[in-house]
Structures are given as structure tokens and as C-alpha cells.
Protein backbone atom coordinates (compact mmCIF):
# COMPACT_ATOMS: atom_id res chain seq x y z
CA MET A 1 -69.84 -23.48 12.64
CA ALA A 2 -66.29 -25.18 11.93
CA MET A 3 -65.37 -27.89 14.16
CA SER A 4 -61.79 -27.63 16.22
CA MET A 5 -59.30 -30.00 14.74
CA GLY A 6 -56.21 -29.05 16.72
CA ALA A 7 -52.82 -29.21 15.80
CA GLU A 8 -52.76 -32.27 13.79
CA ASN A 9 -55.02 -30.65 10.97
CA LEU A 10 -51.37 -28.95 9.81
CA GLU A 11 -50.82 -32.12 8.43
CA SER A 12 -54.50 -32.56 7.00
CA GLY A 13 -53.13 -33.00 3.11
CA THR A 14 -51.11 -35.82 4.28
CA GLN A 15 -51.36 -39.57 4.95
CA ARG A 16 -50.10 -39.34 8.51
CA GLY A 17 -52.55 -35.90 9.33
CA LYS A 18 -55.67 -37.53 7.78
CA LEU A 19 -55.38 -40.76 10.33
CA GLU A 20 -54.03 -38.54 12.99
CA THR A 21 -57.81 -36.84 13.23
CA GLY A 22 -57.50 -34.55 10.16
CA PHE A 23 -61.00 -35.19 9.46
CA PRO A 24 -62.67 -32.57 7.68
CA SER A 25 -66.58 -31.21 9.76
CA HIS A 26 -69.56 -31.99 8.28
CA TYR A 27 -67.82 -35.35 6.98
CA THR A 28 -68.70 -38.97 6.84
CA ILE A 29 -66.32 -42.17 6.66
CA LEU A 30 -66.10 -45.94 7.22
CA LEU A 31 -63.31 -48.23 8.76
CA SER A 32 -63.18 -51.66 7.80
CA GLY A 33 -61.37 -54.28 8.23
CA PRO A 34 -61.51 -58.20 9.60
CA PRO A 35 -62.30 -59.25 12.72
CA GLY A 36 -59.51 -58.13 15.66
CA VAL A 37 -57.73 -56.10 13.47
CA GLY A 38 -57.55 -53.20 15.85
CA LYS A 39 -60.66 -50.58 14.66
CA TYR A 40 -61.99 -50.37 18.06
CA GLU A 41 -58.85 -49.77 19.36
CA TYR A 42 -58.49 -47.03 16.46
CA CYS A 43 -61.82 -45.94 17.89
CA LEU A 44 -60.65 -44.98 21.28
CA TYR A 45 -57.73 -43.57 19.67
CA LEU A 46 -59.58 -41.13 18.19
CA LEU A 47 -61.90 -40.63 20.99
CA ARG A 48 -59.26 -39.36 23.32
CA LYS A 49 -57.65 -37.19 20.54
CA TRP A 50 -61.09 -35.59 20.26
CA LEU A 51 -61.66 -35.30 24.05
CA ASP A 52 -58.01 -34.21 24.90
CA GLU A 53 -58.90 -31.33 22.45
CA GLY A 54 -62.29 -29.98 23.88
CA GLU A 55 -64.52 -31.65 21.48
CA LYS A 56 -67.97 -33.27 22.33
CA VAL A 57 -68.09 -36.73 20.97
CA VAL A 58 -71.40 -39.54 20.84
CA TYR A 59 -70.45 -42.92 21.09
CA VAL A 60 -72.63 -45.45 19.45
CA THR A 61 -71.62 -48.81 20.62
CA THR A 62 -73.29 -52.26 19.21
CA GLU A 63 -70.59 -54.76 19.84
CA ARG A 64 -69.60 -54.30 24.05
CA PRO A 65 -71.38 -52.43 26.66
CA PRO A 66 -70.23 -49.05 27.68
CA GLU A 67 -68.79 -50.29 30.92
CA GLN A 68 -65.82 -52.47 29.26
CA ILE A 69 -64.98 -49.68 27.27
CA LEU A 70 -64.65 -47.50 29.99
CA GLU A 71 -62.60 -50.17 31.30
CA ARG A 72 -60.09 -50.70 28.11
CA ALA A 73 -59.74 -46.42 28.30
CA LYS A 74 -58.76 -46.64 32.01
CA ALA A 75 -56.39 -49.58 31.09
CA CYS A 76 -54.69 -47.74 28.06
CA GLY A 77 -54.06 -44.80 30.42
CA PHE A 78 -56.84 -42.43 30.27
CA ASP A 79 -60.09 -41.80 32.40
CA LEU A 80 -63.31 -41.25 30.76
CA GLU A 81 -65.86 -41.36 33.74
CA GLY A 82 -67.43 -38.50 34.48
CA ASN A 83 -66.34 -36.53 31.06
CA GLU A 84 -69.03 -34.02 30.11
CA ASN A 85 -68.15 -34.10 26.52
CA LEU A 86 -68.91 -37.64 26.17
CA GLU A 87 -72.25 -39.71 25.85
CA PHE A 88 -72.54 -43.90 24.92
CA VAL A 89 -75.36 -44.87 23.36
CA ASP A 90 -75.87 -48.40 24.15
CA PHE A 91 -77.19 -50.68 21.59
CA TYR A 92 -75.49 -53.51 23.02
CA SER A 93 -76.41 -53.80 26.40
CA ALA A 94 -79.05 -56.48 27.16
CA ALA A 95 -82.41 -55.73 27.93
CA THR A 96 -83.01 -57.53 30.99
CA LYS A 97 -79.73 -59.09 33.24
CA ASP A 98 -81.33 -62.40 32.87
CA THR A 99 -81.55 -62.55 29.29
CA LYS A 100 -78.75 -62.95 26.10
CA ILE A 101 -81.09 -61.02 23.99
CA ARG A 102 -78.80 -57.51 22.92
CA MET A 103 -81.00 -54.38 22.89
CA TYR A 104 -80.44 -53.72 18.99
CA GLN A 105 -82.51 -56.81 18.21
CA TYR A 106 -85.55 -54.63 19.84
CA LEU A 107 -84.79 -52.19 16.93
CA THR A 108 -87.40 -52.46 14.41
CA LYS A 109 -87.21 -48.96 13.02
CA VAL A 110 -85.09 -46.58 11.76
CA LYS A 111 -86.18 -44.00 14.11
CA ASP A 112 -85.54 -46.54 17.23
CA ILE A 113 -81.98 -45.76 16.57
CA THR A 114 -81.68 -42.28 15.52
CA ASN A 115 -84.12 -41.04 18.17
CA GLY A 116 -81.46 -42.95 20.81
CA ILE A 117 -78.90 -40.77 18.95
CA GLU A 118 -80.24 -37.45 18.76
CA ASP A 119 -80.99 -37.79 22.54
CA ALA A 120 -77.19 -37.71 23.38
CA ILE A 121 -76.74 -35.33 20.63
CA ASP A 122 -79.52 -33.17 22.56
CA LYS A 123 -77.34 -33.33 25.60
CA LEU A 124 -73.77 -32.30 24.29
CA GLY A 125 -75.06 -29.94 21.81
CA LYS A 126 -73.96 -29.45 18.03
CA PRO A 127 -70.94 -29.58 16.52
CA LEU A 128 -69.72 -32.91 17.30
CA ARG A 129 -68.18 -36.54 16.34
CA ILE A 130 -70.31 -39.56 16.30
CA ILE A 131 -68.50 -42.65 16.20
CA PHE A 132 -70.65 -45.66 15.28
CA ASP A 133 -69.09 -49.33 16.52
CA SER A 134 -70.14 -51.21 14.72
CA LEU A 135 -72.99 -51.52 11.75
CA SER A 136 -71.86 -55.43 11.31
CA PRO A 137 -74.10 -56.67 14.27
CA LEU A 138 -77.24 -54.74 13.57
CA PHE A 139 -76.93 -56.53 10.06
CA LEU A 140 -78.08 -59.56 11.95
CA TYR A 141 -81.46 -58.76 13.08
CA MET A 142 -82.56 -55.37 10.50
CA SER A 143 -83.15 -56.01 6.63
CA THR A 144 -81.17 -54.89 4.57
CA ASP A 145 -83.53 -52.15 2.99
CA LEU A 146 -83.92 -51.28 6.79
CA MET A 147 -80.19 -51.04 7.23
CA THR A 148 -79.74 -48.74 4.15
CA ARG A 149 -82.35 -46.37 5.21
CA LEU A 150 -80.55 -45.72 8.63
CA ILE A 151 -77.49 -45.02 6.67
CA GLU A 152 -78.96 -42.76 4.23
CA ASP A 153 -80.90 -40.89 7.41
CA LEU A 154 -77.66 -40.85 9.86
CA THR A 155 -75.48 -39.56 7.03
CA ARG A 156 -77.43 -36.62 5.47
CA ASP A 157 -78.39 -35.62 9.11
CA THR A 158 -74.90 -35.77 10.06
CA LYS A 159 -73.55 -33.59 7.60
CA GLN A 160 -76.14 -31.11 7.47
CA LYS A 161 -76.54 -30.96 11.17
CA TYR A 162 -74.33 -32.45 13.69
CA GLY A 163 -70.56 -32.68 12.57
CA PHE A 164 -69.16 -35.89 11.94
CA ILE A 165 -69.10 -39.56 11.85
CA LEU A 166 -67.09 -42.45 11.74
CA TYR A 167 -68.70 -45.63 11.30
CA THR A 168 -66.90 -49.23 11.58
CA MET A 169 -67.88 -52.28 10.05
CA GLN A 170 -66.08 -56.28 9.97
CA GLU A 171 -65.04 -56.67 6.01
CA GLY A 172 -65.01 -60.03 4.67
CA VAL A 173 -68.73 -61.14 6.24
CA HIS A 174 -70.98 -59.25 4.47
CA ASN A 175 -72.43 -58.98 1.03
CA PRO A 176 -69.87 -57.45 -1.05
CA GLN A 177 -72.69 -55.15 -2.79
CA LEU A 178 -74.18 -54.09 0.14
CA PHE A 179 -70.94 -53.61 1.48
CA HIS A 180 -69.71 -51.44 -1.77
CA THR A 181 -73.12 -49.43 -1.18
CA ILE A 182 -72.21 -48.17 1.70
CA VAL A 183 -68.74 -46.91 0.80
CA TYR A 184 -70.46 -45.27 -1.99
CA PHE A 185 -72.82 -43.47 0.46
CA LEU A 186 -70.03 -41.93 2.35
CA ASP A 187 -67.35 -39.63 1.95
CA GLY A 188 -64.40 -41.45 2.93
CA HIS A 189 -62.84 -44.74 3.40
CA LEU A 190 -60.57 -46.26 6.08
CA GLN A 191 -59.19 -49.67 5.52
CA MET A 192 -57.44 -52.03 7.79
CA LYS A 193 -55.64 -55.49 7.22
CA PHE A 194 -53.64 -57.94 8.60
CA GLU A 195 -50.28 -58.68 6.39
CA GLU A 196 -48.30 -62.01 7.11
CA THR A 197 -44.48 -62.04 6.27
CA GLU A 198 -41.58 -63.28 8.94
CA THR A 199 -44.67 -61.89 11.61
CA ILE A 200 -48.27 -60.75 11.58
CA GLU A 201 -48.27 -56.76 10.96
CA ARG A 202 -51.47 -54.72 11.35
CA LYS A 203 -51.80 -51.80 8.94
CA ILE A 204 -53.79 -49.17 7.96
CA ARG A 205 -54.76 -46.67 5.29
CA VAL A 206 -57.00 -43.85 3.65
CA HIS A 207 -58.66 -45.82 0.98
CA HIS A 208 -60.00 -42.62 -0.59
CA MET A 209 -61.62 -39.13 0.91
CA LYS A 210 -64.02 -37.13 -1.47
CA GLY A 211 -62.80 -33.50 -1.99
CA GLU A 212 -59.68 -34.09 0.16
CA ALA A 213 -55.97 -34.69 -0.85
CA SER A 214 -55.13 -38.30 0.34
CA ASP A 215 -52.44 -40.75 0.58
CA PRO A 216 -53.90 -44.52 -0.46
CA SER A 217 -50.30 -46.42 1.06
CA TRP A 218 -50.25 -48.48 3.88
CA ARG A 219 -48.77 -47.87 7.57
CA ASN A 220 -48.03 -49.93 9.85
CA PHE A 221 -49.66 -49.55 13.58
CA VAL A 222 -49.46 -52.04 16.85
CA ILE A 223 -51.90 -52.63 19.61
CA GLY A 224 -49.78 -52.17 22.45
CA GLU A 225 -49.40 -51.29 26.44
CA HIS A 226 -51.33 -47.44 25.39
CA GLY A 227 -53.89 -49.14 23.04
CA PHE A 228 -53.36 -47.86 19.07
CA GLU A 229 -50.02 -46.84 18.49
CA PHE A 230 -48.73 -45.81 14.88
CA GLU A 231 -45.05 -47.43 14.40
């Protein structure tokens, strides 16, 4: 079953169309960039676009609780409360209120993570979009072999059964060989960066997308009143 992409997909052969949700179904993408550059805000931008188009979205969070995501979305002008097409998978929140230990520190098997995601998928139904924000905290508590297995399994299942997944990952904080291995596993790679001229600018580009025409030139964006915005 093909996934609806909306009018933006008319520009799917261009950089603009790709970055504004022109991503194929049954496809896997990594979004990388330095801490604080705007990966989280771009995830919210895509989340809003997809929900507005009636698509189903599973949001896997490892860096902040769902409540914070809901608050940030509301501050940007869109209310996610009670949206029937959205399910959170919370691997951030503390197991108990009186500890700072995060939930993902208890995850010792690939199934611990994939089961949580599959439960959310079962609630919404397929096809759907998955936002996995972010892989980076899991590397602090899981072995490289386990993380590689997780990405292999989830990526395979997404392409065969679920629909689409966007992973985020901090750039410059992980082993380069590991980073390039993950890029190799996936179909596409989006990059963000800071560029310092007279001011500090934020930029995003499509590095590559397998089997798809794409423009690798950089495009400016800002984090404004309504969150992520292209200039």
C-alpha cells in the first residue's frame, strides 16, 4: 500500500521537495548534525506536516519526555494532545519518579526496543512514519554490536512492513567508523551544520538518497517562533 505524500511530493526531484517531506515510502533516512543545530525542531516540522496530511506517526524519543515534545509543539502553534494518528514510544522517562536513571538504561536486548515500537505500530496500523530521535543516547548504554543489530532489524522491518523511518544522530560525538556504518545501512542521509560568517547560520542538505534524484547543495533555515523554518 503506497503512503500519501501530499502536494509536496510534486517537487520530489528537487532539494526543496525532499526536505519538505518528499521522502519515498518504505525508505530509511539518517539525519545528522552537531548538538543544538535543529534536528529536534526538524523532527517536529515533519511531524506536523505528516499529521496535517492525515498520516500516522510513531515518535520514538530518547532525549526528552513526551510531555516536553507536546509543550514545544504547542508553543510552535500546533496542538498534538489527543491526536489519534500519533503514538509516542518513550525511552527517555525515568523508571520511577525518584531516580535520574533513564528508561533506555534498562534496555539490554534489541527486542526490548523493537517490542515497544511494534506495540505502538499495532495501535495505529500500517503504513506509517517513524521518527527515532535519537540513536545517540542509546550508544552510551548499549554495545556497538547490539546497536548495529537494532538498526539492522528495525531498518529491515520498516522497509518491508512499516513504511518509513527517520533516525537522528549527533554528529562528531561517535566513532567515525560506526557513524559511516550506519549511513551505509540506510537509504538516505540528511546533514545539518552551523556555518559561521558574520553571523552563525544553520544549514541543511540532502547528502544522498539511494535511487532518488537529489541536490546536495546546502539550504539555510532558522529556528523561529513557529519552530523550524526554511529561509
